[in-house]
């Protein structure tokens, strides 16, 4: 069972430009939440063992510059999937994500 406070939202058509401080790479946003995101299709040579990655996220009407603290990675051949937490989420990011979240169940049927 998923015990996350804020759900992950699968994304399509959202691009991420990422820097590890030594190079720039482009990936695809896999999923987002209010305080984190996962990026796939990143070249495996990116250094995800840095304190923060700088990420520019573009798509679905949004454009955001984020500092991502890497928490995990999955390497498959020459590519990676990296997930992490966003350092100091902006209100614009939070609003963007909240507008994509599914409404919580309304047991009274008032929505």
PDB file of N, CA and C in Angstrom:
ATOM      1  N   UNK A   1       0.841  -1.180   0.000  1.00  0.00           N
ATOM      2  CA  UNK A   1       0.000   0.000   0.000  1.00  0.00           C
ATOM      3  C   UNK A   1       0.889   1.248   0.000  1.00  0.00           C
ATOM      4  N   UNK A   2       0.516   2.230  -0.775  1.00  0.00           N
ATOM      5  CA  UNK A   2       1.267   3.467  -0.866  1.00  0.00           C
ATOM      6  C   UNK A   2       0.898   4.376   0.296  1.00  0.00           C
ATOM      7  N   UNK A   3       1.860   4.669   1.167  1.00  0.00           N
ATOM      8  CA  UNK A   3       1.591   5.486   2.345  1.00  0.00           C
ATOM      9  C   UNK A   3       2.144   6.895   2.178  1.00  0.00           C
ATOM     10  N   UNK A   4       2.293   7.337   0.962  1.00  0.00           N
ATOM     11  CA  UNK A   4       2.818   8.674   0.717  1.00  0.00           C
ATOM     12  C   UNK A   4       1.818   9.730   1.143  1.00  0.00           C
ATOM     13  N   UNK A   5       2.339  10.797   1.663  1.00  0.00           N
ATOM     14  CA  UNK A   5       1.481  11.909   2.065  1.00  0.00           C
ATOM     15  C   UNK A   5       0.908  12.616   0.840  1.00  0.00           C
ATOM     16  N   UNK A   6       1.759  12.745  -0.189  1.00  0.00           N
ATOM     17  CA  UNK A   6       1.335  13.372  -1.438  1.00  0.00           C
ATOM     18  C   UNK A   6       1.602  12.379  -2.568  1.00  0.00           C
ATOM     19  N   UNK A   7       0.597  12.064  -3.355  1.00  0.00           N
ATOM     20  CA  UNK A   7       0.736  11.014  -4.374  1.00  0.00           C
ATOM     21  C   UNK A   7       1.655  11.416  -5.513  1.00  0.00           C
ATOM     22  N   UNK A   8       2.227  10.416  -6.134  1.00  0.00           N
ATOM     23  CA  UNK A   8       2.992  10.629  -7.362  1.00  0.00           C
ATOM     24  C   UNK A   8       2.005  10.737  -8.508  1.00  0.00           C
ATOM     25  N   UNK A   9       2.314  11.628  -9.431  1.00  0.00           N
ATOM     26  CA  UNK A   9       1.468  11.821 -10.600  1.00  0.00           C
ATOM     27  C   UNK A   9       2.303  11.472 -11.825  1.00  0.00           C
ATOM     28  N   UNK A  10       1.875  10.471 -12.578  1.00  0.00           N
ATOM     29  CA  UNK A  10       2.591  10.083 -13.802  1.00  0.00           C
ATOM     30  C   UNK A  10       2.505  11.228 -14.805  1.00  0.00           C
ATOM     31  N   UNK A  11       3.591  11.500 -15.490  1.00  0.00           N
ATOM     32  CA  UNK A  11       3.640  12.624 -16.427  1.00  0.00           C
ATOM     33  C   UNK A  11       3.960  12.130 -17.834  1.00  0.00           C
ATOM     34  N   UNK A  12       3.437  12.847 -18.802  1.00  0.00           N
ATOM     35  CA  UNK A  12       3.743  12.604 -20.214  1.00  0.00           C
ATOM     36  C   UNK A  12       3.998  13.960 -20.855  1.00  0.00           C
ATOM     37  N   UNK A  13       4.992  14.029 -21.702  1.00  0.00           N
ATOM     38  CA  UNK A  13       5.262  15.255 -22.436  1.00  0.00           C
ATOM     39  C   UNK A  13       5.942  16.341 -21.628  1.00  0.00           C
ATOM     40  N   UNK A  14       6.645  15.969 -20.563  1.00  0.00           N
ATOM     41  CA  UNK A  14       7.351  16.941 -19.752  1.00  0.00           C
ATOM     42  C   UNK A  14       8.845  16.634 -19.831  1.00  0.00           C
ATOM     43  N   UNK A  15       9.620  17.621 -20.205  1.00  0.00           N
ATOM     44  CA  UNK A  15      11.062  17.461 -20.400  1.00  0.00           C
ATOM     45  C   UNK A  15      11.807  18.086 -19.227  1.00  0.00           C
ATOM     46  N   UNK A  16      12.952  17.508 -18.876  1.00  0.00           N
ATOM     47  CA  UNK A  16      13.794  18.044 -17.814  1.00  0.00           C
ATOM     48  C   UNK A  16      15.219  18.199 -18.326  1.00  0.00           C
ATOM     49  N   UNK A  17      15.773  19.402 -18.180  1.00  0.00           N
ATOM     50  CA  UNK A  17      17.185  19.649 -18.428  1.00  0.00           C
ATOM     51  C   UNK A  17      17.865  19.635 -17.071  1.00  0.00           C
ATOM     52  N   UNK A  18      18.917  18.830 -16.951  1.00  0.00           N
ATOM     53  CA  UNK A  18      19.539  18.570 -15.663  1.00  0.00           C
ATOM     54  C   UNK A  18      21.024  18.879 -15.718  1.00  0.00           C
ATOM     55  N   UNK A  19      21.536  19.445 -14.622  1.00  0.00           N
ATOM     56  CA  UNK A  19      22.971  19.659 -14.503  1.00  0.00           C
ATOM     57  C   UNK A  19      23.454  19.093 -13.176  1.00  0.00           C
ATOM     58  N   UNK A  20      24.575  18.382 -13.241  1.00  0.00           N
ATOM     59  CA  UNK A  20      25.207  17.865 -12.030  1.00  0.00           C
ATOM     60  C   UNK A  20      26.364  18.770 -11.599  1.00  0.00           C
ATOM     61  N   UNK A  21      26.484  19.934 -12.229  1.00  0.00           N
ATOM     62  CA  UNK A  21      27.562  20.864 -11.924  1.00  0.00           C
ATOM     63  C   UNK A  21      28.749  20.720 -12.857  1.00  0.00           C
ATOM     64  N   UNK A  22      28.786  19.630 -13.630  1.00  0.00           N
ATOM     65  CA  UNK A  22      29.867  19.412 -14.588  1.00  0.00           C
ATOM     66  C   UNK A  22      29.374  19.322 -16.018  1.00  0.00           C
ATOM     67  N   UNK A  23      28.127  18.929 -16.205  1.00  0.00           N
ATOM     68  CA  UNK A  23      27.584  18.785 -17.546  1.00  0.00           C
ATOM     69  C   UNK A  23      26.084  18.988 -17.529  1.00  0.00           C
ATOM     70  N   UNK A  24      25.517  19.099 -18.737  1.00  0.00           N
ATOM     71  CA  UNK A  24      24.077  19.250 -18.897  1.00  0.00           C
ATOM     72  C   UNK A  24      23.526  18.042 -19.629  1.00  0.00           C
ATOM     73  N   UNK A  25      22.365  17.595 -19.207  1.00  0.00           N
ATOM     74  CA  UNK A  25      21.733  16.414 -19.767  1.00  0.00           C
ATOM     75  C   UNK A  25      20.241  16.683 -19.916  1.00  0.00           C
ATOM     76  N   UNK A  26      19.599  15.930 -20.776  1.00  0.00           N
ATOM     77  CA  UNK A  26      18.155  16.057 -20.960  1.00  0.00           C
ATOM     78  C   UNK A  26      17.508  14.715 -20.665  1.00  0.00           C
ATOM     79  N   UNK A  27      16.381  14.776 -19.970  1.00  0.00           N
ATOM     80  CA  UNK A  27      15.628  13.578 -19.652  1.00  0.00           C
ATOM     81  C   UNK A  27      14.144  13.853 -19.768  1.00  0.00           C
ATOM     82  N   UNK A  28      13.369  12.870 -19.389  1.00  0.00           N
ATOM     83  CA  UNK A  28      11.917  12.961 -19.420  1.00  0.00           C
ATOM     84  C   UNK A  28      11.397  12.810 -17.998  1.00  0.00           C
ATOM     85  N   UNK A  29      10.444  13.663 -17.628  1.00  0.00           N
ATOM     86  CA  UNK A  29       9.866  13.560 -16.288  1.00  0.00           C
ATOM     87  C   UNK A  29       8.973  12.324 -16.250  1.00  0.00           C
ATOM     88  N   UNK A  30       9.272  11.439 -15.328  1.00  0.00           N
ATOM     89  CA  UNK A  30       8.520  10.190 -15.162  1.00  0.00           C
ATOM     90  C   UNK A  30       7.292  10.414 -14.282  1.00  0.00           C
ATOM     91  N   UNK A  31       7.509  11.039 -13.130  1.00  0.00           N
ATOM     92  CA  UNK A  31       6.396  11.385 -12.245  1.00  0.00           C
ATOM     93  C   UNK A  31       6.785  12.546 -11.352  1.00  0.00           C
ATOM     94  N   UNK A  32       5.757  13.190 -10.766  1.00  0.00           N
ATOM     95  CA  UNK A  32       5.988  14.324  -9.890  1.00  0.00           C
ATOM     96  C   UNK A  32       5.111  14.190  -8.642  1.00  0.00           C
ATOM     97  N   UNK A  33       5.490  14.922  -7.617  1.00  0.00           N
ATOM     98  CA  UNK A  33       4.646  15.091  -6.434  1.00  0.00           C
ATOM     99  C   UNK A  33       4.924  16.498  -5.922  1.00  0.00           C
ATOM    100  N   UNK A  34       4.272  16.880  -4.860  1.00  0.00           N
ATOM    101  CA  UNK A  34       4.461  18.237  -4.352  1.00  0.00           C
ATOM    102  C   UNK A  34       5.900  18.516  -3.949  1.00  0.00           C
ATOM    103  N   UNK A  35       6.604  17.498  -3.476  1.00  0.00           N
ATOM    104  CA  UNK A  35       7.949  17.719  -2.966  1.00  0.00           C
ATOM    105  C   UNK A  35       9.017  16.858  -3.634  1.00  0.00           C
ATOM    106  N   UNK A  36       8.696  16.269  -4.788  1.00  0.00           N
ATOM    107  CA  UNK A  36       9.689  15.438  -5.446  1.00  0.00           C
ATOM    108  C   UNK A  36       9.356  15.160  -6.885  1.00  0.00           C
ATOM    109  N   UNK A  37      10.317  14.540  -7.574  1.00  0.00           N
ATOM    110  CA  UNK A  37      10.076  14.095  -8.938  1.00  0.00           C
ATOM    111  C   UNK A  37      11.054  13.000  -9.308  1.00  0.00           C
ATOM    112  N   UNK A  38      10.705  12.267 -10.336  1.00  0.00           N
ATOM    113  CA  UNK A  38      11.565  11.230 -10.894  1.00  0.00           C
ATOM    114  C   UNK A  38      11.753  11.557 -12.371  1.00  0.00           C
ATOM    115  N   UNK A  39      13.004  11.433 -12.820  1.00  0.00           N
ATOM    116  CA  UNK A  39      13.364  11.763 -14.202  1.00  0.00           C
ATOM    117  C   UNK A  39      14.005  10.536 -14.826  1.00  0.00           C
ATOM    118  N   UNK A  40      13.546  10.189 -16.032  1.00  0.00           N
ATOM    119  CA  UNK A  40      14.068   9.011 -16.723  1.00  0.00           C
ATOM    120  C   UNK A  40      14.764   9.413 -18.017  1.00  0.00           C
ATOM    121  N   UNK A  41      15.345   8.414 -18.677  1.00  0.00           N
ATOM    122  CA  UNK A  41      16.037   8.613 -19.957  1.00  0.00           C
ATOM    123  C   UNK A  41      17.217   9.575 -19.835  1.00  0.00           C
ATOM    124  N   UNK A  42      17.883   9.548 -18.685  1.00  0.00           N
ATOM    125  CA  UNK A  42      19.055  10.382 -18.444  1.00  0.00           C
ATOM    126  C   UNK A  42      20.289   9.536 -18.744  1.00  0.00           C
ATOM    127  N   UNK A  43      21.296  10.097 -19.401  1.00  0.00           N
ATOM    128  CA  UNK A  43      22.520   9.326 -19.616  1.00  0.00           C
ATOM    129  C   UNK A  43      23.110   8.844 -18.287  1.00  0.00           C
ATOM    130  N   UNK A  44      23.560   7.602 -18.251  1.00  0.00           N
ATOM    131  CA  UNK A  44      24.084   7.003 -17.022  1.00  0.00           C
ATOM    132  C   UNK A  44      25.315   7.733 -16.499  1.00  0.00           C
ATOM    133  N   UNK A  45      26.000   8.509 -17.331  1.00  0.00           N
ATOM    134  CA  UNK A  45      27.220   9.182 -16.876  1.00  0.00           C
ATOM    135  C   UNK A  45      26.964  10.387 -15.977  1.00  0.00           C
ATOM    136  N   UNK A  46      25.707  10.833 -15.842  1.00  0.00           N
ATOM    137  CA  UNK A  46      25.426  11.948 -14.930  1.00  0.00           C
ATOM    138  C   UNK A  46      25.811  11.534 -13.509  1.00  0.00           C
ATOM    139  N   UNK A  47      26.407  12.450 -12.769  1.00  0.00           N
ATOM    140  CA  UNK A  47      26.796  12.174 -11.392  1.00  0.00           C
ATOM    141  C   UNK A  47      25.607  12.472 -10.478  1.00  0.00           C
ATOM    142  N   UNK A  48      24.927  11.436 -10.029  1.00  0.00           N
ATOM    143  CA  UNK A  48      23.769  11.617  -9.151  1.00  0.00           C
ATOM    144  C   UNK A  48      24.171  11.512  -7.682  1.00  0.00           C
ATOM    145  N   UNK A  49      25.477  11.513  -7.411  1.00  0.00           N
ATOM    146  CA  UNK A  49      25.967  11.446  -6.033  1.00  0.00           C
ATOM    147  C   UNK A  49      26.411  12.817  -5.547  1.00  0.00           C
ATOM    148  N   UNK A  50      25.837  13.861  -6.134  1.00  0.00           N
ATOM    149  CA  UNK A  50      26.093  15.232  -5.701  1.00  0.00           C
ATOM    150  C   UNK A  50      25.007  15.617  -4.700  1.00  0.00           C
ATOM    151  N   UNK A  51      25.238  16.719  -3.973  1.00  0.00           N
ATOM    152  CA  UNK A  51      24.228  17.153  -3.001  1.00  0.00           C
ATOM    153  C   UNK A  51      22.931  17.551  -3.702  1.00  0.00           C
ATOM    154  N   UNK A  52      23.058  18.333  -4.788  1.00  0.00           N
ATOM    155  CA  UNK A  52      21.890  18.775  -5.535  1.00  0.00           C
ATOM    156  C   UNK A  52      22.146  18.706  -7.027  1.00  0.00           C
ATOM    157  N   UNK A  53      21.092  18.400  -7.776  1.00  0.00           N
ATOM    158  CA  UNK A  53      21.078  18.542  -9.227  1.00  0.00           C
ATOM    159  C   UNK A  53      20.218  19.765  -9.533  1.00  0.00           C
ATOM    160  N   UNK A  54      20.621  20.554 -10.503  1.00  0.00           N
ATOM    161  CA  UNK A  54      19.780  21.659 -10.958  1.00  0.00           C
ATOM    162  C   UNK A  54      18.924  21.132 -12.090  1.00  0.00           C
ATOM    163  N   UNK A  55      17.610  21.346 -11.991  1.00  0.00           N
ATOM    164  CA  UNK A  55      16.676  20.792 -12.965  1.00  0.00           C
ATOM    165  C   UNK A  55      15.759  21.901 -13.474  1.00  0.00           C
ATOM    166  N   UNK A  56      15.648  21.999 -14.796  1.00  0.00           N
ATOM    167  CA  UNK A  56      14.674  22.880 -15.431  1.00  0.00           C
ATOM    168  C   UNK A  56      13.609  21.971 -16.026  1.00  0.00           C
ATOM    169  N   UNK A  57      12.376  22.109 -15.539  1.00  0.00           N
ATOM    170  CA  UNK A  57      11.260  21.281 -15.981  1.00  0.00           C
ATOM    171  C   UNK A  57      10.367  22.128 -16.876  1.00  0.00           C
ATOM    172  N   UNK A  58      10.030  21.587 -18.046  1.00  0.00           N
ATOM    173  CA  UNK A  58       9.216  22.298 -19.023  1.00  0.00           C
ATOM    174  C   UNK A  58       8.133  21.388 -19.572  1.00  0.00           C
ATOM    175  N   UNK A  59       6.925  21.896 -19.660  1.00  0.00           N
ATOM    176  CA  UNK A  59       5.840  21.140 -20.273  1.00  0.00           C
ATOM    177  C   UNK A  59       4.543  21.279 -19.515  1.00  0.00           C
ATOM    178  N   UNK A  60       3.457  20.947 -20.180  1.00  0.00           N
ATOM    179  CA  UNK A  60       2.114  20.994 -19.611  1.00  0.00           C
ATOM    180  C   UNK A  60       1.802  22.365 -19.014  1.00  0.00           C
ATOM    181  N   UNK A  61       2.282  23.405 -19.679  1.00  0.00           N
ATOM    182  CA  UNK A  61       1.983  24.770 -19.247  1.00  0.00           C
ATOM    183  C   UNK A  61       2.856  25.279 -18.123  1.00  0.00           C
ATOM    184  N   UNK A  62       3.859  24.529 -17.735  1.00  0.00           N
ATOM    185  CA  UNK A  62       4.720  24.956 -16.639  1.00  0.00           C
ATOM    186  C   UNK A  62       6.176  25.042 -17.051  1.00  0.00           C
ATOM    187  N   UNK A  63       6.910  25.910 -16.360  1.00  0.00           N
ATOM    188  CA  UNK A  63       8.348  26.069 -16.551  1.00  0.00           C
ATOM    189  C   UNK A  63       8.922  26.363 -15.168  1.00  0.00           C
ATOM    190  N   UNK A  64       9.743  25.434 -14.650  1.00  0.00           N
ATOM    191  CA  UNK A  64      10.217  25.545 -13.275  1.00  0.00           C
ATOM    192  C   UNK A  64      11.701  25.242 -13.186  1.00  0.00           C
ATOM    193  N   UNK A  65      12.409  26.010 -12.364  1.00  0.00           N
ATOM    194  CA  UNK A  65      13.800  25.722 -12.040  1.00  0.00           C
ATOM    195  C   UNK A  65      13.795  25.172 -10.618  1.00  0.00           C
ATOM    196  N   UNK A  66      14.335  23.959 -10.453  1.00  0.00           N
ATOM    197  CA  UNK A  66      14.290  23.266  -9.175  1.00  0.00           C
ATOM    198  C   UNK A  66      15.671  22.783  -8.769  1.00  0.00           C
ATOM    199  N   UNK A  67      15.894  22.677  -7.464  1.00  0.00           N
ATOM    200  CA  UNK A  67      17.082  22.019  -6.920  1.00  0.00           C
ATOM    201  C   UNK A  67      16.616  20.670  -6.405  1.00  0.00           C
ATOM    202  N   UNK A  68      17.139  19.600  -6.982  1.00  0.00           N
ATOM    203  CA  UNK A  68      16.721  18.243  -6.644  1.00  0.00           C
ATOM    204  C   UNK A  68      17.811  17.545  -5.840  1.00  0.00           C
ATOM    205  N   UNK A  69      17.442  17.056  -4.656  1.00  0.00           N
ATOM    206  CA  UNK A  69      18.365  16.253  -3.851  1.00  0.00           C
ATOM    207  C   UNK A  69      18.132  14.795  -4.234  1.00  0.00           C
ATOM    208  N   UNK A  70      19.078  14.173  -4.969  1.00  0.00           N
ATOM    209  CA  UNK A  70      18.880  12.784  -5.400  1.00  0.00           C
ATOM    210  C   UNK A  70      18.745  11.840  -4.203  1.00  0.00           C
ATOM    211  N   UNK A  71      17.757  10.936  -4.280  1.00  0.00           N
ATOM    212  CA  UNK A  71      17.526   9.962  -3.214  1.00  0.00           C
ATOM    213  C   UNK A  71      17.747   8.531  -3.687  1.00  0.00           C
ATOM    214  N   UNK A  72      17.493   8.260  -4.970  1.00  0.00           N
ATOM    215  CA  UNK A  72      17.651   6.909  -5.490  1.00  0.00           C
ATOM    216  C   UNK A  72      17.864   6.982  -7.000  1.00  0.00           C
ATOM    217  N   UNK A  73      18.377   5.901  -7.533  1.00  0.00           N
ATOM    218  CA  UNK A  73      18.557   5.793  -8.986  1.00  0.00           C
ATOM    219  C   UNK A  73      18.459   4.337  -9.403  1.00  0.00           C
ATOM    220  N   UNK A  74      18.023   4.129 -10.631  1.00  0.00           N
ATOM    221  CA  UNK A  74      18.018   2.815 -11.272  1.00  0.00           C
ATOM    222  C   UNK A  74      18.773   2.979 -12.578  1.00  0.00           C
ATOM    223  N   UNK A  75      19.808   2.196 -12.747  1.00  0.00           N
ATOM    224  CA  UNK A  75      20.609   2.250 -13.967  1.00  0.00           C
ATOM    225  C   UNK A  75      20.239   1.061 -14.833  1.00  0.00           C
ATOM    226  N   UNK A  76      19.979   1.343 -16.118  1.00  0.00           N
ATOM    227  CA  UNK A  76      19.675   0.298 -17.094  1.00  0.00           C
ATOM    228  C   UNK A  76      20.499   0.587 -18.339  1.00  0.00           C
ATOM    229  N   UNK A  77      21.618  -0.091 -18.444  1.00  0.00           N
ATOM    230  CA  UNK A  77      22.491   0.128 -19.596  1.00  0.00           C
ATOM    231  C   UNK A  77      23.109   1.508 -19.570  1.00  0.00           C
ATOM    232  N   UNK A  78      22.832   2.283 -20.597  1.00  0.00           N
ATOM    233  CA  UNK A  78      23.409   3.626 -20.712  1.00  0.00           C
ATOM    234  C   UNK A  78      22.502   4.731 -20.172  1.00  0.00           C
ATOM    235  N   UNK A  79      21.401   4.334 -19.542  1.00  0.00           N
ATOM    236  CA  UNK A  79      20.462   5.337 -19.045  1.00  0.00           C
ATOM    237  C   UNK A  79      20.124   5.114 -17.582  1.00  0.00           C
ATOM    238  N   UNK A  80      19.633   6.191 -16.948  1.00  0.00           N
ATOM    239  CA  UNK A  80      19.250   6.162 -15.544  1.00  0.00           C
ATOM    240  C   UNK A  80      17.847   6.704 -15.355  1.00  0.00           C
ATOM    241  N   UNK A  81      17.269   6.298 -14.248  1.00  0.00           N
ATOM    242  CA  UNK A  81      16.051   6.894 -13.703  1.00  0.00           C
ATOM    243  C   UNK A  81      16.467   7.392 -12.334  1.00  0.00           C
ATOM    244  N   UNK A  82      16.293   8.687 -12.077  1.00  0.00           N
ATOM    245  CA  UNK A  82      16.690   9.294 -10.811  1.00  0.00           C
ATOM    246  C   UNK A  82      15.460   9.882 -10.138  1.00  0.00           C
ATOM    247  N   UNK A  83      15.326   9.629  -8.843  1.00  0.00           N
ATOM    248  CA  UNK A  83      14.255  10.220  -8.058  1.00  0.00           C
ATOM    249  C   UNK A  83      14.831  10.999  -6.900  1.00  0.00           C
ATOM    250  N   UNK A  84      14.152  12.069  -6.531  1.00  0.00           N
ATOM    251  CA  UNK A  84      14.659  12.860  -5.424  1.00  0.00           C
ATOM    252  C   UNK A  84      13.638  13.822  -4.874  1.00  0.00           C
ATOM    253  N   UNK A  85      14.065  14.552  -3.866  1.00  0.00           N
ATOM    254  CA  UNK A  85      13.206  15.550  -3.235  1.00  0.00           C
ATOM    255  C   UNK A  85      13.619  16.938  -3.695  1.00  0.00           C
ATOM    256  N   UNK A  86      12.638  17.805  -3.786  1.00  0.00           N
ATOM    257  CA  UNK A  86      12.884  19.177  -4.227  1.00  0.00           C
ATOM    258  C   UNK A  86      13.211  20.024  -3.009  1.00  0.00           C
ATOM    259  N   UNK A  87      14.307  20.753  -3.105  1.00  0.00           N
ATOM    260  CA  UNK A  87      14.726  21.645  -2.043  1.00  0.00           C
ATOM    261  C   UNK A  87      13.983  22.968  -2.182  1.00  0.00           C
ATOM    262  N   UNK A  88      13.249  23.366  -1.167  1.00  0.00           N
ATOM    263  CA  UNK A  88      12.511  24.632  -1.146  1.00  0.00           C
ATOM    264  C   UNK A  88      11.563  24.767  -2.340  1.00  0.00           C
ATOM    265  N   UNK A  89      10.509  24.006  -2.340  1.00  0.00           N
ATOM    266  CA  UNK A  89       9.499  24.060  -3.409  1.00  0.00           C
ATOM    267  C   UNK A  89       8.885  25.452  -3.476  1.00  0.00           C
ATOM    268  N   UNK A  90       8.779  25.963  -4.680  1.00  0.00           N
ATOM    269  CA  UNK A  90       8.124  27.262  -4.857  1.00  0.00           C
ATOM    270  C   UNK A  90       6.612  27.086  -4.797  1.00  0.00           C
ATOM    271  N   UNK A  91       5.916  28.164  -4.512  1.00  0.00           N
ATOM    272  CA  UNK A  91       4.455  28.121  -4.493  1.00  0.00           C
ATOM    273  C   UNK A  91       3.926  27.806  -5.892  1.00  0.00           C
ATOM    274  N   UNK A  92       4.621  28.285  -6.919  1.00  0.00           N
ATOM    275  CA  UNK A  92       4.194  28.005  -8.297  1.00  0.00           C
ATOM    276  C   UNK A  92       4.237  26.501  -8.570  1.00  0.00           C
ATOM    277  N   UNK A  93       5.300  25.804  -8.114  1.00  0.00           N
ATOM    278  CA  UNK A  93       5.404  24.354  -8.293  1.00  0.00           C
ATOM    279  C   UNK A  93       4.279  23.644  -7.532  1.00  0.00           C
ATOM    280  N   UNK A  94       4.084  24.041  -6.283  1.00  0.00           N
ATOM    281  CA  UNK A  94       3.048  23.418  -5.464  1.00  0.00           C
ATOM    282  C   UNK A  94       1.675  23.596  -6.098  1.00  0.00           C
ATOM    283  N   UNK A  95       1.377  24.787  -6.579  1.00  0.00           N
ATOM    284  CA  UNK A  95       0.095  25.041  -7.251  1.00  0.00           C
ATOM    285  C   UNK A  95      -0.048  24.187  -8.504  1.00  0.00           C
ATOM    286  N   UNK A  96       1.026  24.096  -9.286  1.00  0.00           N
ATOM    287  CA  UNK A  96       1.021  23.299 -10.507  1.00  0.00           C
ATOM    288  C   UNK A  96       0.672  21.844 -10.197  1.00  0.00           C
ATOM    289  N   UNK A  97       1.342  21.279  -9.196  1.00  0.00           N
ATOM    290  CA  UNK A  97       1.114  19.875  -8.831  1.00  0.00           C
ATOM    291  C   UNK A  97      -0.284  19.685  -8.255  1.00  0.00           C
ATOM    292  N   UNK A  98      -0.710  20.585  -7.388  1.00  0.00           N
ATOM    293  CA  UNK A  98      -2.033  20.453  -6.774  1.00  0.00           C
ATOM    294  C   UNK A  98      -3.138  20.485  -7.818  1.00  0.00           C
ATOM    295  N   UNK A  99      -2.952  21.232  -8.893  1.00  0.00           N
ATOM    296  CA  UNK A  99      -3.947  21.280  -9.960  1.00  0.00           C
ATOM    297  C   UNK A  99      -4.012  19.976 -10.750  1.00  0.00           C
ATOM    298  N   UNK A 100      -2.961  19.162 -10.665  1.00  0.00           N
ATOM    299  CA  UNK A 100      -2.935  17.876 -11.362  1.00  0.00           C
ATOM    300  C   UNK A 100      -3.377  16.710 -10.480  1.00  0.00           C
ATOM    301  N   UNK A 101      -3.383  16.904  -9.175  1.00  0.00           N
ATOM    302  CA  UNK A 101      -3.761  15.835  -8.256  1.00  0.00           C
ATOM    303  C   UNK A 101      -5.244  15.511  -8.390  1.00  0.00           C
ATOM    304  N   UNK A 102      -5.541  14.234  -8.243  1.00  0.00           N
ATOM    305  CA  UNK A 102      -6.939  13.813  -8.235  1.00  0.00           C
ATOM    306  C   UNK A 102      -7.571  14.265  -6.931  1.00  0.00           C
ATOM    307  N   UNK A 103      -8.829  14.672  -6.967  1.00  0.00           N
ATOM    308  CA  UNK A 103      -9.480  15.060  -5.723  1.00  0.00           C
ATOM    309  C   UNK A 103      -9.586  13.855  -4.777  1.00  0.00           C
ATOM    310  N   UNK A 104      -9.526  14.136  -3.483  1.00  0.00           N
ATOM    311  CA  UNK A 104      -9.684  13.058  -2.520  1.00  0.00           C
ATOM    312  C   UNK A 104     -11.121  12.570  -2.552  1.00  0.00           C
ATOM    313  N   UNK A 105     -11.335  11.351  -2.130  1.00  0.00           N
ATOM    314  CA  UNK A 105     -12.681  10.791  -2.118  1.00  0.00           C
ATOM    315  C   UNK A 105     -13.609  11.645  -1.264  1.00  0.00           C
ATOM    316  N   UNK A 106     -14.754  11.958  -1.802  1.00  0.00           N
ATOM    317  CA  UNK A 106     -15.759  12.743  -1.099  1.00  0.00           C
ATOM    318  C   UNK A 106     -16.868  11.790  -0.665  1.00  0.00           C
ATOM    319  N   UNK A 107     -16.789  11.340   0.581  1.00  0.00           N
ATOM    320  CA  UNK A 107     -17.744  10.333   1.044  1.00  0.00           C
ATOM    321  C   UNK A 107     -19.158  10.893   1.160  1.00  0.00           C
ATOM    322  N   UNK A 108     -19.308  12.201   1.213  1.00  0.00           N
ATOM    323  CA  UNK A 108     -20.634  12.813   1.341  1.00  0.00           C
ATOM    324  C   UNK A 108     -21.225  13.182  -0.004  1.00  0.00           C
ATOM    325  N   UNK A 109     -20.437  13.096  -1.069  1.00  0.00           N
ATOM    326  CA  UNK A 109     -20.942  13.385  -2.408  1.00  0.00           C
ATOM    327  C   UNK A 109     -21.251  14.843  -2.633  1.00  0.00           C
ATOM    328  N   UNK A 110     -20.479  15.738  -1.981  1.00  0.00           N
ATOM    329  CA  UNK A 110     -20.740  17.162  -2.107  1.00  0.00           C
ATOM    330  C   UNK A 110     -19.888  17.832  -3.177  1.00  0.00           C
ATOM    331  N   UNK A 111     -18.972  17.099  -3.797  1.00  0.00           N
ATOM    332  CA  UNK A 111     -18.107  17.709  -4.822  1.00  0.00           C
ATOM    333  C   UNK A 111     -18.732  17.609  -6.183  1.00  0.00           C
TER     334      UNK A 111
END
